[in-house]
């Protein structure tokens, strides 16, 4: 499962809330799809997985 690494609990704590996490990760995933749609065409790697890892690594932040 994609969101097991990093752990969901860690992501929620870092985002501040479940809602904030969902909104932030989904917005970033949409950006990734629009920037490079062919990268996700084979469906081996999912944009939500990439976005969650980027958030965990600090590539982007979620603000209230």
N, C-alpha and C. Protein backbone atom coordinates (compact mmCIF):
# COMPACT_ATOMS: atom_id res chain seq x y z
N UNK A 1 0.84 -1.18 0.00
CA UNK A 1 0.00 0.00 0.00
C UNK A 1 0.88 1.24 0.00
N UNK A 2 0.49 2.24 -0.71
CA UNK A 2 1.33 3.41 -0.94
C UNK A 2 1.57 4.24 0.31
N UNK A 3 0.58 4.40 1.14
CA UNK A 3 0.73 5.31 2.27
C UNK A 3 1.25 4.64 3.53
N UNK A 4 1.80 3.45 3.43
CA UNK A 4 2.39 2.81 4.60
C UNK A 4 3.80 3.34 4.85
N UNK A 5 4.45 3.80 3.84
CA UNK A 5 5.78 4.35 3.99
C UNK A 5 5.82 5.69 3.27
N UNK A 6 5.77 6.76 3.92
CA UNK A 6 5.84 7.03 5.36
C UNK A 6 4.52 6.72 6.06
N UNK A 7 4.59 6.47 7.36
CA UNK A 7 3.39 6.13 8.13
C UNK A 7 2.36 7.27 8.12
N UNK A 8 1.12 6.91 8.00
CA UNK A 8 0.04 7.89 7.93
C UNK A 8 -0.01 8.74 9.19
N UNK A 9 0.22 8.14 10.34
CA UNK A 9 0.18 8.89 11.59
C UNK A 9 1.22 10.01 11.59
N UNK A 10 2.38 9.74 11.05
CA UNK A 10 3.44 10.75 10.97
C UNK A 10 3.03 11.89 10.04
N UNK A 11 2.41 11.54 8.93
CA UNK A 11 1.96 12.57 7.98
C UNK A 11 0.87 13.44 8.59
N UNK A 12 -0.07 12.83 9.32
CA UNK A 12 -1.15 13.59 9.95
C UNK A 12 -0.57 14.56 10.98
N UNK A 13 0.36 14.08 11.78
CA UNK A 13 0.99 14.94 12.78
C UNK A 13 1.72 16.11 12.12
N UNK A 14 2.42 15.84 11.05
CA UNK A 14 3.17 16.87 10.35
C UNK A 14 2.24 17.89 9.68
N UNK A 15 1.08 17.42 9.17
CA UNK A 15 0.13 18.30 8.49
C UNK A 15 -0.73 19.09 9.47
N UNK A 16 -0.95 18.54 10.65
CA UNK A 16 -1.77 19.23 11.64
C UNK A 16 -3.17 18.67 11.76
N UNK A 17 -3.68 18.07 10.69
CA UNK A 17 -5.01 17.46 10.74
C UNK A 17 -5.18 16.50 9.57
N UNK A 18 -6.14 15.60 9.69
CA UNK A 18 -6.42 14.66 8.60
C UNK A 18 -6.92 15.40 7.37
N UNK A 19 -7.79 16.38 7.61
CA UNK A 19 -8.35 17.16 6.50
C UNK A 19 -7.24 17.90 5.75
N UNK A 20 -6.37 18.56 6.49
CA UNK A 20 -5.27 19.28 5.87
C UNK A 20 -4.37 18.37 5.06
N UNK A 21 -4.12 17.19 5.61
CA UNK A 21 -3.29 16.21 4.90
C UNK A 21 -3.95 15.80 3.59
N UNK A 22 -5.23 15.48 3.63
CA UNK A 22 -5.94 15.05 2.42
C UNK A 22 -5.96 16.14 1.35
N UNK A 23 -6.26 17.35 1.76
CA UNK A 23 -6.33 18.45 0.80
C UNK A 23 -4.94 18.76 0.22
N UNK A 24 -3.94 18.84 1.07
CA UNK A 24 -2.59 19.16 0.61
C UNK A 24 -2.00 18.12 -0.31
N UNK A 25 -2.15 16.86 0.06
CA UNK A 25 -1.61 15.77 -0.77
C UNK A 25 -2.35 15.69 -2.10
N UNK A 26 -3.67 15.84 -2.07
CA UNK A 26 -4.44 15.74 -3.31
C UNK A 26 -4.13 16.90 -4.26
N UNK A 27 -3.94 18.11 -3.72
CA UNK A 27 -3.58 19.24 -4.58
C UNK A 27 -2.22 19.01 -5.23
N UNK A 28 -1.27 18.52 -4.47
CA UNK A 28 0.06 18.25 -5.03
C UNK A 28 0.00 17.14 -6.07
N UNK A 29 -0.81 16.11 -5.82
CA UNK A 29 -0.95 15.02 -6.79
C UNK A 29 -1.54 15.54 -8.10
N UNK A 30 -2.51 16.44 -8.02
CA UNK A 30 -3.08 17.03 -9.24
C UNK A 30 -2.04 17.84 -9.99
N UNK A 31 -1.20 18.58 -9.26
CA UNK A 31 -0.12 19.32 -9.91
C UNK A 31 0.83 18.38 -10.65
N UNK A 32 1.18 17.28 -10.00
CA UNK A 32 2.09 16.32 -10.61
C UNK A 32 1.50 15.75 -11.90
N UNK A 33 0.21 15.43 -11.88
CA UNK A 33 -0.44 14.87 -13.06
C UNK A 33 -0.47 15.88 -14.20
N UNK A 34 -0.77 17.14 -13.90
CA UNK A 34 -0.84 18.14 -14.97
C UNK A 34 0.55 18.49 -15.51
N UNK A 35 1.59 18.43 -14.66
CA UNK A 35 2.94 18.74 -15.12
C UNK A 35 3.53 17.65 -15.99
N UNK A 36 3.23 16.39 -15.67
CA UNK A 36 3.86 15.28 -16.37
C UNK A 36 2.91 14.09 -16.43
N UNK A 37 1.87 14.16 -17.26
CA UNK A 37 0.87 13.07 -17.28
C UNK A 37 1.41 11.73 -17.77
N UNK A 38 2.40 11.74 -18.65
CA UNK A 38 2.93 10.48 -19.17
C UNK A 38 3.72 9.71 -18.12
N UNK A 39 4.19 10.37 -17.09
CA UNK A 39 4.93 9.68 -16.03
C UNK A 39 4.03 8.75 -15.23
N UNK A 40 2.74 9.04 -15.21
CA UNK A 40 1.80 8.23 -14.44
C UNK A 40 0.88 7.38 -15.32
N UNK A 41 1.18 7.32 -16.60
CA UNK A 41 0.35 6.57 -17.53
C UNK A 41 0.43 5.07 -17.30
N UNK A 42 1.59 4.56 -16.91
CA UNK A 42 1.73 3.11 -16.72
C UNK A 42 1.14 2.64 -15.40
N UNK A 43 0.82 3.54 -14.48
CA UNK A 43 0.14 3.26 -13.21
C UNK A 43 0.95 2.39 -12.25
N UNK A 44 2.26 2.25 -12.49
CA UNK A 44 3.07 1.53 -11.50
C UNK A 44 3.31 2.39 -10.28
N UNK A 45 3.48 3.67 -10.51
CA UNK A 45 3.65 4.60 -9.41
C UNK A 45 2.49 5.59 -9.47
N UNK A 46 1.91 5.87 -8.34
CA UNK A 46 0.72 6.71 -8.30
C UNK A 46 1.08 8.11 -7.81
N UNK A 47 0.39 9.12 -8.33
CA UNK A 47 0.70 10.49 -7.93
C UNK A 47 0.49 10.75 -6.44
N UNK A 48 -0.45 10.08 -5.82
CA UNK A 48 -0.64 10.24 -4.37
C UNK A 48 0.56 9.73 -3.59
N UNK A 49 1.15 8.67 -4.08
CA UNK A 49 2.33 8.12 -3.43
C UNK A 49 3.50 9.09 -3.53
N UNK A 50 3.69 9.65 -4.71
CA UNK A 50 4.77 10.62 -4.91
C UNK A 50 4.53 11.85 -4.04
N UNK A 51 3.31 12.35 -4.03
CA UNK A 51 2.99 13.54 -3.24
C UNK A 51 3.17 13.30 -1.75
N UNK A 52 2.78 12.13 -1.25
CA UNK A 52 2.95 11.86 0.18
C UNK A 52 4.43 11.76 0.55
N UNK A 53 5.23 11.17 -0.30
CA UNK A 53 6.67 11.09 -0.03
C UNK A 53 7.32 12.46 -0.09
N UNK A 54 6.90 13.29 -1.06
CA UNK A 54 7.43 14.64 -1.14
C UNK A 54 7.09 15.44 0.11
N UNK A 55 5.87 15.31 0.59
CA UNK A 55 5.48 16.02 1.81
C UNK A 55 6.30 15.55 3.00
N UNK A 56 6.49 14.26 3.11
CA UNK A 56 7.28 13.70 4.20
C UNK A 56 8.72 14.19 4.17
N UNK A 57 9.28 14.31 2.96
CA UNK A 57 10.66 14.75 2.80
C UNK A 57 10.83 16.26 2.90
N UNK A 58 9.72 17.00 2.92
CA UNK A 58 9.78 18.45 3.06
C UNK A 58 9.88 19.21 1.77
N UNK A 59 9.56 18.58 0.65
CA UNK A 59 9.59 19.25 -0.64
C UNK A 59 8.54 20.36 -0.68
N UNK A 60 7.40 20.14 -0.06
CA UNK A 60 6.36 21.16 0.08
C UNK A 60 5.76 21.07 1.45
N UNK A 61 5.10 22.13 1.87
CA UNK A 61 4.47 22.16 3.19
C UNK A 61 2.98 22.40 3.05
N UNK A 62 2.26 22.08 4.09
CA UNK A 62 0.82 22.31 4.13
C UNK A 62 0.58 23.38 5.19
N UNK A 63 -0.03 24.50 4.77
CA UNK A 63 -0.31 25.56 5.73
C UNK A 63 -1.81 25.65 5.97
N UNK A 64 -2.15 26.15 7.13
CA UNK A 64 -3.56 26.28 7.49
C UNK A 64 -4.19 27.48 6.86
